[in-house]
Amino acid sequence: PQQAEYRQLKRGLARYRSIQAAGGWPPVISSTAIKPGDSTPAVPQLRRRLAITGDYHPNPDEVDNPVLDQELAAALKAFQKRHLLPEDGVIGPQTLSALVQPVEYRIDQIRANLERMRWLLGDLEGDYLLVDIAAYKLFLVQDDVVTWSSPIQVGKPYRQTPVLTSRVTYLEWNPGWIVPPTIASEDVVPAIKRDRGYLKRQHMELFTYQGKPVDPASIDWEPYPEKPLPYMIRQRPGPWNALGTVKFIFPNEHLVYLHDTPNKNLFGRSNRAFSSGCIRVARPYSLAKILLGLDDEAGDAQIRAILASGKTQRQYLPRGFPVALLYWTSRAAADGSMIFAPDIYQRDRVVLQALDSREAPTRKSAATALVQARSEGVR
């Protein structure tokens, strides 16, 4: 791949291999949480640990200082930001887990993601949308530079967002939502059996597959979901809708797409694997204006008018806009620092097994690793 993302990650690999050759970094050992102002023997370990990765630049006289002071807390927050952890300056269980990982673990993460980039980045050029599933982030890349971004929510570990490339072809405003069969059987039907008022409260309607409305009160729900449900469940358009007020459609065999969400409070979480496979976007209207080529003022007015109508409307793009859904547990920031994401879907292992196998690296083995990773990652 010729993209800057790949070149920067290669430089990151070289840097972390240099750290490995120099002996790695010291462990940070603590059985309790460490807060700013606390004094403990683990703090000098933390100073040395963060200095090696460039998060902290200690004064030589301060290396053995056992107090987690404000300067060190700020460095710890930088480390937490790079590892997609809550930026609180506290060494809690999550932060300690990230600190104790050896440099070899991070090297393996980088190797796995260089391999992933080789699979799909070569298909992308010019302007495109990049969904980084593991990092919960959506990027607009224009001529190899990130010019816009948005937090996202992705699929739960048991309903994983797949890896793919496609093109966004149209937007749908005020969308209704046909509940997918898996969600209907696993989530909605059990909720109906617990509470017969569930459908009404969720603004949902029941239809036959021929489109005829059905009164939910007339249905004996007891045989379901053990028995296949012979009805469709549709949620009416509105602010309550699971898709929010707009969705972005790109053809793919997994039937996933980008969309708005009424669950905006979840964007404040560090772990954002909450969806059933689709990608929830924190800034959907901003994205819509970019894809449609609208300026802010005129675009805002147009969006307000469409939403006020309450009618479902499709808006086609002048041309398909490339989009890539990728799963990167490591990448390089613009300043060269390394960002590491938790392996929420446990996909790194399959890639590393293929890379470390005795078979000489070939195009076939890389393709096999991709098939295996996808088979493990898609539900």
Protein backbone atom coordinates (compact mmCIF):
# COMPACT_ATOMS: atom_id res chain seq x y z
CA PRO A 1 0.00 0.00 0.00
CA GLN A 2 1.13 3.51 -0.83
CA GLN A 3 -0.96 5.30 1.81
CA ALA A 4 0.63 7.27 4.64
CA GLU A 5 -1.17 5.00 7.15
CA TYR A 6 0.95 2.05 6.02
CA ARG A 7 4.23 3.96 5.94
CA GLN A 8 3.64 5.40 9.43
CA LEU A 9 2.81 1.99 10.87
CA LYS A 10 6.00 0.54 9.36
CA ARG A 11 7.96 3.26 11.12
CA GLY A 12 6.13 2.36 14.32
CA LEU A 13 7.19 -1.27 13.94
CA ALA A 14 10.83 -0.23 13.54
CA ARG A 15 10.62 1.96 16.63
CA TYR A 16 9.08 -0.74 18.82
CA ARG A 17 11.61 -3.30 17.60
CA SER A 18 14.32 -0.85 18.70
CA ILE A 19 12.69 -0.70 22.12
CA GLN A 20 12.68 -4.50 22.19
CA ALA A 21 16.38 -4.64 21.25
CA ALA A 22 17.16 -2.23 24.11
CA GLY A 23 15.46 -4.52 26.64
CA GLY A 24 11.83 -3.45 26.45
CA TRP A 25 10.20 -1.55 29.31
CA PRO A 26 9.87 -2.23 33.05
CA PRO A 27 6.64 -3.64 34.45
CA VAL A 28 4.36 -1.48 36.58
CA ILE A 29 3.32 -3.58 39.57
CA SER A 30 0.45 -2.56 41.83
CA SER A 31 -2.34 -4.45 43.60
CA THR A 32 -4.46 -1.33 44.11
CA ALA A 33 -5.54 1.68 42.05
CA ILE A 34 -3.12 4.63 42.06
CA LYS A 35 -4.59 8.12 41.90
CA PRO A 36 -2.96 11.53 41.37
CA GLY A 37 -1.30 12.54 44.64
CA ASP A 38 -0.69 8.95 45.76
CA SER A 39 2.82 7.89 46.77
CA THR A 40 3.83 4.30 45.98
CA PRO A 41 6.91 2.33 44.76
CA ALA A 42 5.01 1.67 41.50
CA VAL A 43 5.21 5.33 40.47
CA PRO A 44 8.96 5.33 39.61
CA GLN A 45 8.25 2.23 37.51
CA LEU A 46 5.53 4.22 35.75
CA ARG A 47 7.90 7.13 35.09
CA ARG A 48 10.43 4.83 33.41
CA ARG A 49 7.70 2.97 31.50
CA LEU A 50 6.15 6.12 30.04
CA ALA A 51 9.53 7.68 29.26
CA ILE A 52 10.44 4.76 26.99
CA THR A 53 7.33 5.22 24.81
CA GLY A 54 7.68 9.02 24.76
CA ASP A 55 4.58 9.81 26.81
CA TYR A 56 6.71 11.34 29.59
CA HIS A 57 9.91 13.40 29.53
CA PRO A 58 11.23 13.27 33.11
CA ASN A 59 13.72 15.51 34.74
CA PRO A 60 16.59 13.20 35.81
CA ASP A 61 16.07 14.32 39.40
CA GLU A 62 12.43 13.21 39.28
CA VAL A 63 12.85 9.62 38.04
CA ASP A 64 12.68 8.11 41.53
CA ASN A 65 9.93 10.41 42.82
CA PRO A 66 7.23 8.08 44.24
CA VAL A 67 4.39 10.63 43.98
CA LEU A 68 1.97 10.58 41.05
CA ASP A 69 2.14 14.32 40.50
CA GLN A 70 0.25 16.47 37.99
CA GLU A 71 2.95 16.26 35.31
CA LEU A 72 3.04 12.46 35.48
CA ALA A 73 -0.77 12.29 35.59
CA ALA A 74 -0.85 14.32 32.35
CA ALA A 75 1.60 11.86 30.77
CA LEU A 76 -0.55 8.96 31.96
CA LYS A 77 -3.59 10.57 30.33
CA ALA A 78 -1.65 10.75 27.06
CA PHE A 79 -0.89 7.03 27.40
CA GLN A 80 -4.57 6.32 28.13
CA LYS A 81 -5.64 8.32 25.09
CA ARG A 82 -3.29 6.30 22.86
CA HIS A 83 -4.78 3.06 24.22
CA LEU A 84 -8.42 4.21 23.94
CA LEU A 85 -8.91 4.14 27.70
CA PRO A 86 -10.77 6.60 29.95
CA GLU A 87 -8.43 9.60 30.33
CA ASP A 88 -8.61 10.00 34.10
CA GLY A 89 -4.92 9.88 35.11
CA VAL A 90 -5.66 6.94 37.41
CA ILE A 91 -3.95 3.54 37.24
CA GLY A 92 -7.00 1.30 37.48
CA PRO A 93 -7.40 -2.29 36.22
CA GLN A 94 -7.76 -1.35 32.52
CA THR A 95 -4.80 1.04 32.50
CA LEU A 96 -2.63 -1.38 34.47
CA SER A 97 -3.47 -4.15 31.99
CA ALA A 98 -2.31 -1.93 29.12
CA LEU A 99 0.85 -0.91 30.99
CA VAL A 100 1.97 -4.47 31.76
CA GLN A 101 1.75 -5.74 28.18
CA PRO A 102 5.33 -6.41 27.01
CA VAL A 103 6.77 -4.75 23.95
CA GLU A 104 6.55 -8.08 22.09
CA TYR A 105 2.75 -7.95 22.43
CA ARG A 106 2.63 -4.50 20.85
CA ILE A 107 4.99 -5.60 18.06
CA ASP A 108 2.62 -8.46 17.26
CA GLN A 109 -0.30 -6.04 17.14
CA ILE A 110 1.56 -3.86 14.65
CA ARG A 111 2.51 -6.88 12.50
CA ALA A 112 -1.10 -8.08 12.39
CA ASN A 113 -2.34 -4.68 11.29
CA LEU A 114 0.33 -4.20 8.63
CA GLU A 115 -0.96 -7.48 7.20
CA ARG A 116 -4.56 -6.24 7.31
CA MET A 117 -3.56 -3.05 5.52
CA ARG A 118 -1.97 -5.13 2.76
CA TRP A 119 -5.27 -6.89 2.17
CA LEU A 120 -7.46 -3.87 1.48
CA LEU A 121 -5.65 -0.52 1.42
CA GLY A 122 -4.35 -1.16 -2.08
CA ASP A 123 -7.96 -0.93 -3.35
CA LEU A 124 -8.36 2.62 -2.03
CA GLU A 125 -7.13 5.89 -3.48
CA GLY A 126 -8.19 9.52 -3.68
CA ASP A 127 -11.07 10.35 -1.33
CA TYR A 128 -12.70 7.64 0.78
CA LEU A 129 -14.37 6.90 4.11
CA LEU A 130 -12.46 4.66 6.48
CA VAL A 131 -14.30 2.94 9.34
CA ASP A 132 -11.80 1.80 11.97
CA ILE A 133 -13.94 -0.75 13.81
CA ALA A 134 -11.60 -1.53 16.71
CA ALA A 135 -10.85 2.16 17.36
CA TYR A 136 -14.53 3.20 17.15
CA LYS A 137 -13.71 5.97 14.67
CA LEU A 138 -14.84 7.04 11.20
CA PHE A 139 -12.41 9.03 9.05
CA LEU A 140 -12.70 10.96 5.80
CA VAL A 141 -9.40 10.59 3.92
CA GLN A 142 -8.70 13.02 1.09
CA ASP A 143 -5.50 12.66 -0.91
CA ASP A 144 -3.90 10.62 1.89
CA VAL A 145 -4.81 13.14 4.62
CA VAL A 146 -7.52 12.74 7.27
CA THR A 147 -9.73 15.83 6.93
CA TRP A 148 -12.75 14.85 9.07
CA SER A 149 -13.58 12.28 11.72
CA SER A 150 -16.39 11.11 13.96
CA PRO A 151 -16.78 8.71 16.88
CA ILE A 152 -18.79 5.60 16.03
CA GLN A 153 -20.44 2.65 17.74
CA VAL A 154 -19.90 -0.82 16.26
CA GLY A 155 -21.18 -4.38 16.62
CA LYS A 156 -21.17 -6.27 19.89
CA PRO A 157 -18.65 -9.13 20.12
CA TYR A 158 -21.43 -11.62 19.34
CA ARG A 159 -22.77 -9.49 16.45
CA GLN A 160 -19.56 -8.29 14.90
CA THR A 161 -19.19 -5.57 12.28
CA PRO A 162 -17.61 -7.18 9.19
CA VAL A 163 -14.57 -6.08 7.19
CA LEU A 164 -15.37 -4.99 3.62
CA THR A 165 -15.02 -2.33 0.94
CA SER A 166 -17.89 -0.80 -1.03
CA ARG A 167 -19.31 2.55 -2.16
CA VAL A 168 -21.96 4.71 -0.50
CA THR A 169 -24.67 5.15 -3.15
CA TYR A 170 -27.54 6.91 -1.38
CA LEU A 171 -28.86 8.34 1.89
CA GLU A 172 -32.27 7.58 3.35
CA TRP A 173 -33.83 10.27 5.55
CA ASN A 174 -36.48 9.51 8.18
CA PRO A 175 -35.96 5.78 7.69
CA GLY A 176 -38.24 3.08 8.98
CA TRP A 177 -36.55 -0.01 10.37
CA ILE A 178 -37.42 -3.56 9.38
CA VAL A 179 -36.13 -5.55 12.35
CA PRO A 180 -33.72 -8.24 11.06
CA PRO A 181 -34.83 -11.83 11.80
CA THR A 182 -31.97 -12.50 14.24
CA ILE A 183 -32.73 -9.40 16.31
CA ALA A 184 -36.47 -10.15 16.13
CA SER A 185 -36.03 -13.69 17.47
CA GLU A 186 -33.27 -13.00 20.00
CA ASP A 187 -34.31 -9.57 21.32
CA VAL A 188 -37.77 -8.37 20.30
CA VAL A 189 -39.90 -11.51 20.67
CA PRO A 190 -38.57 -12.30 24.19
CA ALA A 191 -39.30 -8.66 25.13
CA ILE A 192 -42.87 -9.00 23.80
CA LYS A 193 -43.39 -12.17 25.83
CA ARG A 194 -42.29 -10.35 28.98
CA ASP A 195 -44.32 -7.23 28.24
CA ARG A 196 -47.18 -7.19 25.72
CA GLY A 197 -47.00 -3.39 25.54
CA TYR A 198 -43.43 -3.47 24.23
CA LEU A 199 -44.26 -3.02 20.52
CA LYS A 200 -46.47 0.00 21.13
CA ARG A 201 -43.92 1.73 23.34
CA GLN A 202 -41.17 1.11 20.77
CA HIS A 203 -43.37 2.48 17.93
CA MET A 204 -43.26 -0.93 16.24
CA GLU A 205 -45.82 -2.53 13.93
CA LEU A 206 -46.43 -6.11 12.82
CA PHE A 207 -46.97 -7.15 9.18
CA THR A 208 -47.27 -10.32 7.15
CA TYR A 209 -44.58 -10.83 4.52
CA GLN A 210 -47.18 -9.69 1.99
CA GLY A 211 -47.40 -6.32 3.79
CA LYS A 212 -50.75 -6.82 5.56
CA PRO A 213 -50.96 -5.23 9.05
CA VAL A 214 -51.43 -7.64 11.95
CA ASP A 215 -52.78 -6.90 15.43
CA PRO A 216 -50.09 -8.09 17.90
CA ALA A 217 -52.81 -8.83 20.47
CA SER A 218 -54.22 -11.49 18.12
CA ILE A 219 -50.97 -13.49 18.12
CA ASP A 220 -50.15 -16.38 20.45
CA TRP A 221 -46.50 -15.53 21.15
CA GLU A 222 -45.67 -18.62 23.18
CA PRO A 223 -44.32 -20.81 20.29
CA TYR A 224 -41.84 -18.07 19.33
CA PRO A 225 -38.88 -17.67 18.92
CA GLU A 226 -38.36 -21.45 19.03
CA LYS A 227 -40.63 -21.52 15.98
CA PRO A 228 -39.75 -19.16 13.06
CA LEU A 229 -41.74 -15.94 13.24
CA PRO A 230 -43.95 -15.61 10.11
CA TYR A 231 -44.23 -11.84 10.46
CA MET A 232 -42.16 -8.71 9.86
CA ILE A 233 -41.62 -6.17 12.61
CA ARG A 234 -41.20 -2.55 11.51
CA GLN A 235 -40.32 0.47 13.63
CA ARG A 236 -41.91 3.70 12.40
CA PRO A 237 -39.71 6.67 11.42
CA GLY A 238 -38.99 9.22 14.13
CA PRO A 239 -36.46 10.24 16.78
CA TRP A 240 -37.11 6.94 18.59
CA ASN A 241 -36.10 4.87 15.55
CA ALA A 242 -33.07 2.59 16.04
CA LEU A 243 -31.56 4.07 12.85
CA GLY A 244 -32.08 7.66 13.99
CA THR A 245 -33.01 10.09 11.24
CA VAL A 246 -30.66 9.08 8.40
CA LYS A 247 -28.80 6.04 7.10
CA PHE A 248 -26.01 5.73 4.53
CA ILE A 249 -26.35 2.76 2.18
CA PHE A 250 -23.50 0.91 0.49
CA PRO A 251 -24.11 -2.48 -1.21
CA ASN A 252 -22.69 -5.44 0.72
CA GLU A 253 -23.59 -9.05 1.41
CA HIS A 254 -23.77 -8.46 5.19
CA LEU A 255 -26.54 -5.82 4.90
CA VAL A 256 -24.71 -3.39 7.18
CA TYR A 257 -24.66 0.39 6.78
CA LEU A 258 -23.80 3.65 8.54
CA HIS A 259 -26.62 5.39 10.41
CA ASP A 260 -27.68 7.93 13.00
CA THR A 261 -28.79 6.70 16.44
CA PRO A 262 -31.02 7.87 19.30
CA ASN A 263 -28.44 6.38 21.73
CA LYS A 264 -26.09 9.36 21.54
CA ASN A 265 -25.14 9.11 25.21
CA LEU A 266 -23.14 5.97 24.41
CA PHE A 267 -20.60 7.96 22.37
CA GLY A 268 -19.11 9.12 25.65
CA ARG A 269 -18.01 5.58 26.54
CA SER A 270 -14.49 4.31 25.86
CA ASN A 271 -15.85 0.90 24.79
CA ARG A 272 -18.46 1.46 22.09
CA ALA A 273 -19.33 -2.04 20.85
CA PHE A 274 -23.10 -1.72 21.30
CA SER A 275 -24.76 -2.26 17.90
CA SER A 276 -26.00 -5.35 16.11
CA GLY A 277 -23.38 -5.03 13.36
CA CYS A 278 -24.12 -1.71 11.68
CA ILE A 279 -22.12 1.45 12.38
CA ARG A 280 -23.71 4.25 14.41
CA VAL A 281 -22.25 7.69 13.58
CA ALA A 282 -21.98 10.53 16.10
CA ARG A 283 -21.95 13.25 13.39
CA PRO A 284 -24.37 11.98 10.72
CA TYR A 285 -25.52 15.38 9.41
CA SER A 286 -21.96 16.58 8.96
CA LEU A 287 -21.20 13.39 7.01
CA ALA A 288 -24.33 13.83 4.89
CA LYS A 289 -23.29 17.35 3.87
CA ILE A 290 -19.82 16.13 2.91
CA LEU A 291 -21.14 13.29 0.75
CA LEU A 292 -23.79 15.46 -0.91
CA GLY A 293 -21.39 18.37 -1.47
CA LEU A 294 -23.49 20.84 0.55
CA ASP A 295 -22.12 23.85 2.38
CA ASP A 296 -22.96 24.26 6.06
CA GLU A 297 -25.73 26.87 5.96
CA ALA A 298 -27.62 25.59 2.91
CA GLY A 299 -27.07 21.99 3.96
CA ASP A 300 -28.42 22.60 7.46
CA ALA A 301 -31.54 24.26 6.06
CA GLN A 302 -32.13 21.40 3.62
CA ILE A 303 -31.70 18.77 6.34
CA ARG A 304 -34.09 20.62 8.69
CA ALA A 305 -36.76 20.74 5.97
CA ILE A 306 -36.42 17.03 5.18
CA LEU A 307 -36.59 16.00 8.84
CA ALA A 308 -39.56 18.30 9.50
CA SER A 309 -41.53 16.59 6.71
CA GLY A 310 -41.38 13.29 8.59
CA LYS A 311 -41.42 11.49 5.23
CA THR A 312 -38.94 8.80 4.25
CA GLN A 313 -36.84 10.19 1.39
CA ARG A 314 -33.91 8.86 -0.59
CA GLN A 315 -31.12 11.12 -1.75
CA TYR A 316 -28.68 9.61 -4.26
CA LEU A 317 -25.06 10.69 -4.41
CA PRO A 318 -23.75 12.14 -7.68
CA ARG A 319 -21.34 9.17 -7.71
CA GLY A 320 -20.59 6.28 -5.40
CA PHE A 321 -18.28 7.29 -2.57
CA PRO A 322 -15.70 4.62 -1.56
CA VAL A 323 -15.97 3.26 1.97
CA ALA A 324 -13.81 0.70 3.77
CA LEU A 325 -14.74 -1.07 7.00
CA LEU A 326 -11.42 -2.15 8.52
CA TYR A 327 -10.39 -3.68 11.82
CA TRP A 328 -7.17 -2.13 13.12
CA THR A 329 -5.95 -2.78 16.64
CA SER A 330 -2.95 -0.54 16.02
CA ARG A 331 -2.26 2.48 13.85
CA ALA A 332 -0.02 5.54 13.87
CA ALA A 333 -1.33 9.00 14.73
CA ALA A 334 -0.41 12.02 12.61
CA ASP A 335 2.37 12.92 15.08
CA GLY A 336 3.89 9.43 14.78
CA SER A 337 2.74 8.17 18.18
CA MET A 338 1.26 4.69 18.25
CA ILE A 339 -2.43 4.08 18.96
CA PHE A 340 -3.46 0.66 20.26
CA ALA A 341 -7.04 -0.56 20.49
CA PRO A 342 -8.36 -3.51 22.46
CA ASP A 343 -8.87 -6.58 20.28
CA ILE A 344 -12.63 -6.55 20.96
CA TYR A 345 -13.36 -9.36 18.47
CA GLN A 346 -10.23 -11.42 19.25
CA ARG A 347 -9.17 -11.40 15.59
CA ASP A 348 -5.43 -10.76 15.95
CA ARG A 349 -4.69 -14.37 16.90
CA VAL A 350 -5.78 -15.81 13.54
CA VAL A 351 -3.67 -13.33 11.56
CA LEU A 352 -0.59 -13.89 13.73
CA GLN A 353 -0.92 -17.66 13.49
CA ALA A 354 -0.84 -17.37 9.71
CA LEU A 355 2.14 -14.99 9.78
CA ASP A 356 4.06 -17.21 12.19
CA SER A 357 3.33 -20.51 10.44
CA ARG A 358 6.23 -22.49 9.00
CA GLU A 359 4.84 -22.03 5.50
CA ALA A 360 6.75 -19.34 3.62
CA PRO A 361 4.67 -16.16 3.30
CA THR A 362 2.74 -16.25 0.03
CA ARG A 363 -0.19 -14.46 -1.52
CA LYS A 364 -2.20 -17.64 -0.91
CA SER A 365 -1.43 -17.75 2.83
CA ALA A 366 -2.41 -14.10 3.23
CA ALA A 367 -5.68 -14.79 1.43
CA THR A 368 -6.28 -17.81 3.66
CA ALA A 369 -5.71 -15.66 6.75
CA LEU A 370 -8.24 -13.14 5.45
CA VAL A 371 -10.86 -15.85 4.91
CA GLN A 372 -10.22 -17.25 8.40
CA ALA A 373 -10.37 -13.83 10.02
CA ARG A 374 -13.62 -13.02 8.26
CA SER A 375 -15.14 -16.39 9.15
CA GLU A 376 -14.34 -15.76 12.82
CA GLY A 377 -15.41 -12.15 12.73
CA VAL A 378 -18.80 -12.27 10.95
CA ARG A 379 -21.94 -13.53 12.67
